[in-house]
Amino acid sequence: MFEYKTRGTCSTKITFDIKDGKMHQLAFKDGCEGNLSGISKLAEGMEARQLASLLKGTRCGRKSTSCPDQLAIAIERALAGQQR
């Protein structure tokens, strides 16, 4: 299980697994429950690289980041760690 502490968002932590390049068990701590549980359902079984590519750069209002953007960063870090 990969764990990432978010920065600049209402959610404070993201956890997930990547198995065979696909996302599993994505969960957010805190934040907008409905939106984040929806993202978690949509992400289940999706290719991790594709998900990161789709979400990277998403902004929340005037903030420079968002929960989806933080997820993209977390996925990239998890993939980089798996490649070592």
PDB file of N, CA and C in Angstrom:
ATOM      1  N   MET A   1       0.860  -1.180   0.000  1.00  0.00           N
ATOM      2  CA  MET A   1       0.000   0.000   0.000  1.00  0.00           C
ATOM      3  C   MET A   1       0.901   1.236   0.000  1.00  0.00           C
ATOM      4  N   PHE A   2       0.719   2.089  -0.985  1.00  0.00           N
ATOM      5  CA  PHE A   2       1.473   3.334  -1.073  1.00  0.00           C
ATOM      6  C   PHE A   2       0.682   4.418  -0.349  1.00  0.00           C
ATOM      7  N   GLU A   3       1.365   5.249   0.407  1.00  0.00           N
ATOM      8  CA  GLU A   3       0.728   6.326   1.166  1.00  0.00           C
ATOM      9  C   GLU A   3       1.399   7.642   0.817  1.00  0.00           C
ATOM     10  N   TYR A   4       0.580   8.650   0.541  1.00  0.00           N
ATOM     11  CA  TYR A   4       1.087   9.965   0.159  1.00  0.00           C
ATOM     12  C   TYR A   4       0.357  11.039   0.955  1.00  0.00           C
ATOM     13  N   LYS A   5       1.123  11.908   1.608  1.00  0.00           N
ATOM     14  CA  LYS A   5       0.540  13.037   2.340  1.00  0.00           C
ATOM     15  C   LYS A   5       0.411  14.207   1.382  1.00  0.00           C
ATOM     16  N   THR A   6      -0.819  14.652   1.176  1.00  0.00           N
ATOM     17  CA  THR A   6      -1.096  15.702   0.199  1.00  0.00           C
ATOM     18  C   THR A   6      -0.643  17.068   0.704  1.00  0.00           C
ATOM     19  N   ARG A   7      -0.509  17.988  -0.259  1.00  0.00           N
ATOM     20  CA  ARG A   7      -0.144  19.369   0.053  1.00  0.00           C
ATOM     21  C   ARG A   7      -1.091  20.306  -0.677  1.00  0.00           C
ATOM     22  N   GLY A   8      -1.642  21.275   0.037  1.00  0.00           N
ATOM     23  CA  GLY A   8      -2.465  22.304  -0.590  1.00  0.00           C
ATOM     24  C   GLY A   8      -3.890  21.899  -0.908  1.00  0.00           C
ATOM     25  N   THR A   9      -4.365  20.802  -0.299  1.00  0.00           N
ATOM     26  CA  THR A   9      -5.729  20.342  -0.570  1.00  0.00           C
ATOM     27  C   THR A   9      -6.466  20.065   0.730  1.00  0.00           C
ATOM     28  N   CYS A  10      -7.777  19.909   0.626  1.00  0.00           N
ATOM     29  CA  CYS A  10      -8.591  19.568   1.791  1.00  0.00           C
ATOM     30  C   CYS A  10      -8.337  18.127   2.236  1.00  0.00           C
ATOM     31  N   SER A  11      -8.060  17.248   1.276  1.00  0.00           N
ATOM     32  CA  SER A  11      -7.696  15.884   1.662  1.00  0.00           C
ATOM     33  C   SER A  11      -6.282  15.929   2.247  1.00  0.00           C
ATOM     34  N   THR A  12      -6.004  15.039   3.176  1.00  0.00           N
ATOM     35  CA  THR A  12      -4.712  15.066   3.850  1.00  0.00           C
ATOM     36  C   THR A  12      -3.824  13.871   3.515  1.00  0.00           C
ATOM     37  N   LYS A  13      -4.432  12.815   2.968  1.00  0.00           N
ATOM     38  CA  LYS A  13      -3.648  11.622   2.651  1.00  0.00           C
ATOM     39  C   LYS A  13      -4.353  10.823   1.567  1.00  0.00           C
ATOM     40  N   ILE A  14      -3.529  10.183   0.725  1.00  0.00           N
ATOM     41  CA  ILE A  14      -4.035   9.292  -0.318  1.00  0.00           C
ATOM     42  C   ILE A  14      -3.325   7.957  -0.161  1.00  0.00           C
ATOM     43  N   THR A  15      -4.080   6.866  -0.203  1.00  0.00           N
ATOM     44  CA  THR A  15      -3.490   5.534  -0.172  1.00  0.00           C
ATOM     45  C   THR A  15      -4.011   4.727  -1.358  1.00  0.00           C
ATOM     46  N   PHE A  16      -3.170   3.840  -1.870  1.00  0.00           N
ATOM     47  CA  PHE A  16      -3.562   2.994  -3.000  1.00  0.00           C
ATOM     48  C   PHE A  16      -2.513   1.913  -3.222  1.00  0.00           C
ATOM     49  N   ASP A  17      -2.892   0.932  -4.023  1.00  0.00           N
ATOM     50  CA  ASP A  17      -1.982  -0.103  -4.489  1.00  0.00           C
ATOM     51  C   ASP A  17      -1.907  -0.009  -6.002  1.00  0.00           C
ATOM     52  N   ILE A  18      -0.763  -0.373  -6.540  1.00  0.00           N
ATOM     53  CA  ILE A  18      -0.620  -0.546  -7.985  1.00  0.00           C
ATOM     54  C   ILE A  18      -0.152  -1.979  -8.190  1.00  0.00           C
ATOM     55  N   LYS A  19      -0.968  -2.762  -8.881  1.00  0.00           N
ATOM     56  CA  LYS A  19      -0.631  -4.152  -9.182  1.00  0.00           C
ATOM     57  C   LYS A  19      -0.715  -4.346 -10.683  1.00  0.00           C
ATOM     58  N   ASP A  20       0.355  -4.864 -11.253  1.00  0.00           N
ATOM     59  CA  ASP A  20       0.418  -5.067 -12.707  1.00  0.00           C
ATOM     60  C   ASP A  20       0.100  -3.781 -13.460  1.00  0.00           C
ATOM     61  N   GLY A  21       0.540  -2.645 -12.901  1.00  0.00           N
ATOM     62  CA  GLY A  21       0.357  -1.355 -13.545  1.00  0.00           C
ATOM     63  C   GLY A  21      -1.020  -0.745 -13.389  1.00  0.00           C
ATOM     64  N   LYS A  22      -1.885  -1.402 -12.628  1.00  0.00           N
ATOM     65  CA  LYS A  22      -3.263  -0.921 -12.479  1.00  0.00           C
ATOM     66  C   LYS A  22      -3.557  -0.484 -11.045  1.00  0.00           C
ATOM     67  N   MET A  23      -4.445   0.505 -10.930  1.00  0.00           N
ATOM     68  CA  MET A  23      -4.812   1.085  -9.639  1.00  0.00           C
ATOM     69  C   MET A  23      -5.791   0.188  -8.883  1.00  0.00           C
ATOM     70  N   HIS A  24      -5.561   0.092  -7.563  1.00  0.00           N
ATOM     71  CA  HIS A  24      -6.452  -0.675  -6.700  1.00  0.00           C
ATOM     72  C   HIS A  24      -6.527  -0.018  -5.326  1.00  0.00           C
ATOM     73  N   GLN A  25      -7.675  -0.112  -4.715  1.00  0.00           N
ATOM     74  CA  GLN A  25      -7.916   0.316  -3.336  1.00  0.00           C
ATOM     75  C   GLN A  25      -7.552   1.775  -3.077  1.00  0.00           C
ATOM     76  N   LEU A  26      -7.884   2.642  -4.013  1.00  0.00           N
ATOM     77  CA  LEU A  26      -7.625   4.077  -3.854  1.00  0.00           C
ATOM     78  C   LEU A  26      -8.553   4.638  -2.782  1.00  0.00           C
ATOM     79  N   ALA A  27      -7.964   5.383  -1.852  1.00  0.00           N
ATOM     80  CA  ALA A  27      -8.754   6.021  -0.791  1.00  0.00           C
ATOM     81  C   ALA A  27      -8.131   7.364  -0.424  1.00  0.00           C
ATOM     82  N   PHE A  28      -8.985   8.334  -0.153  1.00  0.00           N
ATOM     83  CA  PHE A  28      -8.565   9.655   0.295  1.00  0.00           C
ATOM     84  C   PHE A  28      -8.996   9.830   1.740  1.00  0.00           C
ATOM     85  N   LYS A  29      -8.177  10.502   2.525  1.00  0.00           N
ATOM     86  CA  LYS A  29      -8.558  10.861   3.897  1.00  0.00           C
ATOM     87  C   LYS A  29      -8.929  12.339   3.882  1.00  0.00           C
ATOM     88  N   ASP A  30     -10.094  12.645   4.415  1.00  0.00           N
ATOM     89  CA  ASP A  30     -10.638  14.007   4.461  1.00  0.00           C
ATOM     90  C   ASP A  30     -10.993  14.474   3.042  1.00  0.00           C
ATOM     91  N   GLY A  31     -11.350  15.711   2.885  1.00  0.00           N
ATOM     92  CA  GLY A  31     -11.709  16.259   1.584  1.00  0.00           C
ATOM     93  C   GLY A  31     -13.181  16.094   1.262  1.00  0.00           C
ATOM     94  N   CYS A  32     -13.532  16.312   0.020  1.00  0.00           N
ATOM     95  CA  CYS A  32     -14.920  16.239  -0.462  1.00  0.00           C
ATOM     96  C   CYS A  32     -15.305  14.786  -0.680  1.00  0.00           C
ATOM     97  N   GLU A  33     -15.997  14.216   0.274  1.00  0.00           N
ATOM     98  CA  GLU A  33     -16.255  12.778   0.293  1.00  0.00           C
ATOM     99  C   GLU A  33     -16.906  12.252  -0.985  1.00  0.00           C
ATOM    100  N   GLY A  34     -17.933  12.924  -1.464  1.00  0.00           N
ATOM    101  CA  GLY A  34     -18.631  12.442  -2.656  1.00  0.00           C
ATOM    102  C   GLY A  34     -17.738  12.430  -3.884  1.00  0.00           C
ATOM    103  N   ASN A  35     -17.061  13.540  -4.129  1.00  0.00           N
ATOM    104  CA  ASN A  35     -16.182  13.627  -5.300  1.00  0.00           C
ATOM    105  C   ASN A  35     -15.027  12.641  -5.211  1.00  0.00           C
ATOM    106  N   LEU A  36     -14.420  12.534  -4.053  1.00  0.00           N
ATOM    107  CA  LEU A  36     -13.249  11.678  -3.919  1.00  0.00           C
ATOM    108  C   LEU A  36     -13.614  10.197  -3.927  1.00  0.00           C
ATOM    109  N   SER A  37     -14.764   9.844  -3.395  1.00  0.00           N
ATOM    110  CA  SER A  37     -15.170   8.438  -3.482  1.00  0.00           C
ATOM    111  C   SER A  37     -15.533   8.097  -4.929  1.00  0.00           C
ATOM    112  N   GLY A  38     -16.054   9.062  -5.672  1.00  0.00           N
ATOM    113  CA  GLY A  38     -16.330   8.860  -7.094  1.00  0.00           C
ATOM    114  C   GLY A  38     -15.048   8.641  -7.889  1.00  0.00           C
ATOM    115  N   ILE A  39     -14.036   9.450  -7.624  1.00  0.00           N
ATOM    116  CA  ILE A  39     -12.742   9.278  -8.286  1.00  0.00           C
ATOM    117  C   ILE A  39     -12.174   7.900  -7.956  1.00  0.00           C
ATOM    118  N   SER A  40     -12.294   7.503  -6.704  1.00  0.00           N
ATOM    119  CA  SER A  40     -11.771   6.201  -6.282  1.00  0.00           C
ATOM    120  C   SER A  40     -12.445   5.058  -7.033  1.00  0.00           C
ATOM    121  N   LYS A  41     -13.754   5.139  -7.220  1.00  0.00           N
ATOM    122  CA  LYS A  41     -14.484   4.098  -7.957  1.00  0.00           C
ATOM    123  C   LYS A  41     -14.071   4.071  -9.426  1.00  0.00           C
ATOM    124  N   LEU A  42     -13.947   5.246 -10.028  1.00  0.00           N
ATOM    125  CA  LEU A  42     -13.561   5.320 -11.434  1.00  0.00           C
ATOM    126  C   LEU A  42     -12.133   4.816 -11.662  1.00  0.00           C
ATOM    127  N   ALA A  43     -11.257   5.034 -10.692  1.00  0.00           N
ATOM    128  CA  ALA A  43      -9.849   4.662 -10.842  1.00  0.00           C
ATOM    129  C   ALA A  43      -9.605   3.165 -10.694  1.00  0.00           C
ATOM    130  N   GLU A  44     -10.492   2.443 -10.032  1.00  0.00           N
ATOM    131  CA  GLU A  44     -10.284   1.016  -9.760  1.00  0.00           C
ATOM    132  C   GLU A  44     -10.035   0.242 -11.056  1.00  0.00           C
ATOM    133  N   GLY A  45      -8.879  -0.398 -11.138  1.00  0.00           N
ATOM    134  CA  GLY A  45      -8.510  -1.210 -12.289  1.00  0.00           C
ATOM    135  C   GLY A  45      -7.959  -0.431 -13.475  1.00  0.00           C
ATOM    136  N   MET A  46      -7.902   0.893 -13.353  1.00  0.00           N
ATOM    137  CA  MET A  46      -7.398   1.723 -14.456  1.00  0.00           C
ATOM    138  C   MET A  46      -5.877   1.688 -14.489  1.00  0.00           C
ATOM    139  N   GLU A  47      -5.303   1.828 -15.685  1.00  0.00           N
ATOM    140  CA  GLU A  47      -3.852   1.907 -15.819  1.00  0.00           C
ATOM    141  C   GLU A  47      -3.354   3.128 -15.043  1.00  0.00           C
ATOM    142  N   ALA A  48      -2.400   2.909 -14.139  1.00  0.00           N
ATOM    143  CA  ALA A  48      -1.911   3.980 -13.271  1.00  0.00           C
ATOM    144  C   ALA A  48      -1.305   5.131 -14.068  1.00  0.00           C
ATOM    145  N   ARG A  49      -0.498   4.829 -15.062  1.00  0.00           N
ATOM    146  CA  ARG A  49       0.135   5.893 -15.859  1.00  0.00           C
ATOM    147  C   ARG A  49      -0.908   6.736 -16.592  1.00  0.00           C
ATOM    148  N   GLN A  50      -1.918   6.091 -17.126  1.00  0.00           N
ATOM    149  CA  GLN A  50      -2.966   6.808 -17.835  1.00  0.00           C
ATOM    150  C   GLN A  50      -3.740   7.716 -16.880  1.00  0.00           C
ATOM    151  N   LEU A  51      -4.047   7.205 -15.690  1.00  0.00           N
ATOM    152  CA  LEU A  51      -4.770   8.001 -14.702  1.00  0.00           C
ATOM    153  C   LEU A  51      -3.958   9.227 -14.309  1.00  0.00           C
ATOM    154  N   ALA A  52      -2.673   9.046 -14.048  1.00  0.00           N
ATOM    155  CA  ALA A  52      -1.816  10.179 -13.683  1.00  0.00           C
ATOM    156  C   ALA A  52      -1.785  11.212 -14.797  1.00  0.00           C
ATOM    157  N   SER A  53      -1.688  10.747 -16.036  1.00  0.00           N
ATOM    158  CA  SER A  53      -1.653  11.648 -17.182  1.00  0.00           C
ATOM    159  C   SER A  53      -2.942  12.452 -17.306  1.00  0.00           C
ATOM    160  N   LEU A  54      -4.077  11.804 -17.076  1.00  0.00           N
ATOM    161  CA  LEU A  54      -5.376  12.484 -17.169  1.00  0.00           C
ATOM    162  C   LEU A  54      -5.567  13.536 -16.075  1.00  0.00           C
ATOM    163  N   LEU A  55      -5.073  13.254 -14.878  1.00  0.00           N
ATOM    164  CA  LEU A  55      -5.359  14.113 -13.726  1.00  0.00           C
ATOM    165  C   LEU A  55      -4.316  15.201 -13.476  1.00  0.00           C
ATOM    166  N   LYS A  56      -3.097  15.008 -13.967  1.00  0.00           N
ATOM    167  CA  LYS A  56      -2.013  15.951 -13.671  1.00  0.00           C
ATOM    168  C   LYS A  56      -2.368  17.355 -14.150  1.00  0.00           C
ATOM    169  N   GLY A  57      -2.151  18.324 -13.262  1.00  0.00           N
ATOM    170  CA  GLY A  57      -2.392  19.722 -13.594  1.00  0.00           C
ATOM    171  C   GLY A  57      -3.801  20.205 -13.302  1.00  0.00           C
ATOM    172  N   THR A  58      -4.688  19.328 -12.855  1.00  0.00           N
ATOM    173  CA  THR A  58      -6.047  19.742 -12.500  1.00  0.00           C
ATOM    174  C   THR A  58      -5.972  20.707 -11.323  1.00  0.00           C
ATOM    175  N   ARG A  59      -6.688  21.813 -11.418  1.00  0.00           N
ATOM    176  CA  ARG A  59      -6.670  22.813 -10.353  1.00  0.00           C
ATOM    177  C   ARG A  59      -8.023  22.874  -9.664  1.00  0.00           C
ATOM    178  N   CYS A  60      -8.008  23.284  -8.408  1.00  0.00           N
ATOM    179  CA  CYS A  60      -9.223  23.467  -7.628  1.00  0.00           C
ATOM    180  C   CYS A  60      -9.377  24.970  -7.369  1.00  0.00           C
ATOM    181  N   GLY A  61     -10.313  25.579  -8.075  1.00  0.00           N
ATOM    182  CA  GLY A  61     -10.512  27.021  -7.912  1.00  0.00           C
ATOM    183  C   GLY A  61      -9.243  27.783  -8.228  1.00  0.00           C
ATOM    184  N   ARG A  62      -8.830  28.628  -7.324  1.00  0.00           N
ATOM    185  CA  ARG A  62      -7.625  29.443  -7.526  1.00  0.00           C
ATOM    186  C   ARG A  62      -6.361  28.755  -7.015  1.00  0.00           C
ATOM    187  N   LYS A  63      -6.515  27.584  -6.433  1.00  0.00           N
ATOM    188  CA  LYS A  63      -5.346  26.852  -5.933  1.00  0.00           C
ATOM    189  C   LYS A  63      -4.505  26.353  -7.111  1.00  0.00           C
ATOM    190  N   SER A  64      -3.231  26.155  -6.867  1.00  0.00           N
ATOM    191  CA  SER A  64      -2.337  25.670  -7.917  1.00  0.00           C
ATOM    192  C   SER A  64      -2.381  24.149  -8.051  1.00  0.00           C
ATOM    193  N   THR A  65      -3.150  23.488  -7.204  1.00  0.00           N
ATOM    194  CA  THR A  65      -3.256  22.030  -7.219  1.00  0.00           C
ATOM    195  C   THR A  65      -4.690  21.629  -6.890  1.00  0.00           C
ATOM    196  N   SER A  66      -4.915  20.339  -6.772  1.00  0.00           N
ATOM    197  CA  SER A  66      -6.229  19.796  -6.418  1.00  0.00           C
ATOM    198  C   SER A  66      -6.007  18.375  -5.917  1.00  0.00           C
ATOM    199  N   CYS A  67      -7.051  17.749  -5.416  1.00  0.00           N
ATOM    200  CA  CYS A  67      -6.932  16.347  -5.011  1.00  0.00           C
ATOM    201  C   CYS A  67      -6.568  15.453  -6.198  1.00  0.00           C
ATOM    202  N   PRO A  68      -7.186  15.639  -7.386  1.00  0.00           N
ATOM    203  CA  PRO A  68      -6.772  14.829  -8.527  1.00  0.00           C
ATOM    204  C   PRO A  68      -5.308  15.065  -8.924  1.00  0.00           C
ATOM    205  N   ASP A  69      -4.856  16.320  -8.879  1.00  0.00           N
ATOM    206  CA  ASP A  69      -3.460  16.629  -9.194  1.00  0.00           C
ATOM    207  C   ASP A  69      -2.531  15.968  -8.180  1.00  0.00           C
ATOM    208  N   GLN A  70      -2.890  16.016  -6.910  1.00  0.00           N
ATOM    209  CA  GLN A  70      -2.075  15.373  -5.874  1.00  0.00           C
ATOM    210  C   GLN A  70      -2.039  13.859  -6.083  1.00  0.00           C
ATOM    211  N   LEU A  71      -3.141  13.286  -6.540  1.00  0.00           N
ATOM    212  CA  LEU A  71      -3.160  11.861  -6.851  1.00  0.00           C
ATOM    213  C   LEU A  71      -2.190  11.561  -7.989  1.00  0.00           C
ATOM    214  N   ALA A  72      -2.180  12.391  -9.014  1.00  0.00           N
ATOM    215  CA  ALA A  72      -1.245  12.191 -10.131  1.00  0.00           C
ATOM    216  C   ALA A  72       0.199  12.206  -9.640  1.00  0.00           C
ATOM    217  N   ILE A  73       0.528  13.139  -8.760  1.00  0.00           N
ATOM    218  CA  ILE A  73       1.875  13.222  -8.197  1.00  0.00           C
ATOM    219  C   ILE A  73       2.187  11.960  -7.396  1.00  0.00           C
ATOM    220  N   ALA A  74       1.228  11.520  -6.593  1.00  0.00           N
ATOM    221  CA  ALA A  74       1.417  10.309  -5.789  1.00  0.00           C
ATOM    222  C   ALA A  74       1.653   9.086  -6.671  1.00  0.00           C
ATOM    223  N   ILE A  75       0.898   8.964  -7.745  1.00  0.00           N
ATOM    224  CA  ILE A  75       1.059   7.829  -8.653  1.00  0.00           C
ATOM    225  C   ILE A  75       2.452   7.857  -9.279  1.00  0.00           C
ATOM    226  N   GLU A  76       2.878   9.025  -9.734  1.00  0.00           N
ATOM    227  CA  GLU A  76       4.206   9.151 -10.338  1.00  0.00           C
ATOM    228  C   GLU A  76       5.296   8.740  -9.348  1.00  0.00           C
ATOM    229  N   ARG A  77       5.148   9.160  -8.105  1.00  0.00           N
ATOM    230  CA  ARG A  77       6.143   8.787  -7.082  1.00  0.00           C
ATOM    231  C   ARG A  77       6.113   7.289  -6.797  1.00  0.00           C
ATOM    232  N   ALA A  78       4.929   6.731  -6.745  1.00  0.00           N
ATOM    233  CA  ALA A  78       4.800   5.286  -6.491  1.00  0.00           C
ATOM    234  C   ALA A  78       5.430   4.499  -7.633  1.00  0.00           C
ATOM    235  N   LEU A  79       5.173   4.904  -8.858  1.00  0.00           N
ATOM    236  CA  LEU A  79       5.753   4.208 -10.012  1.00  0.00           C
ATOM    237  C   LEU A  79       7.273   4.330 -10.046  1.00  0.00           C
ATOM    238  N   ALA A  80       7.776   5.490  -9.686  1.00  0.00           N
ATOM    239  CA  ALA A  80       9.229   5.683  -9.648  1.00  0.00           C
ATOM    240  C   ALA A  80       9.855   4.772  -8.587  1.00  0.00           C
ATOM    241  N   GLY A  81       9.181   4.615  -7.467  1.00  0.00           N
ATOM    242  CA  GLY A  81       9.689   3.744  -6.408  1.00  0.00           C
ATOM    243  C   GLY A  81       9.639   2.274  -6.782  1.00  0.00           C
ATOM    244  N   GLN A  82       8.649   1.899  -7.585  1.00  0.00           N
ATOM    245  CA  GLN A  82       8.517   0.505  -7.989  1.00  0.00           C
ATOM    246  C   GLN A  82       9.567   0.125  -9.022  1.00  0.00           C
ATOM    247  N   GLN A  83      10.062   1.104  -9.760  1.00  0.00           N
ATOM    248  CA  GLN A  83      11.006   0.817 -10.828  1.00  0.00           C
ATOM    249  C   GLN A  83      12.416   0.603 -10.295  1.00  0.00           C
ATOM    250  N   ARG A  84      12.672   0.907  -9.046  1.00  0.00           N
ATOM    251  CA  ARG A  84      14.019   0.739  -8.476  1.00  0.00           C
ATOM    252  C   ARG A  84      14.315  -0.687  -8.177  1.00  0.00           C
TER     253      ARG A  84
END
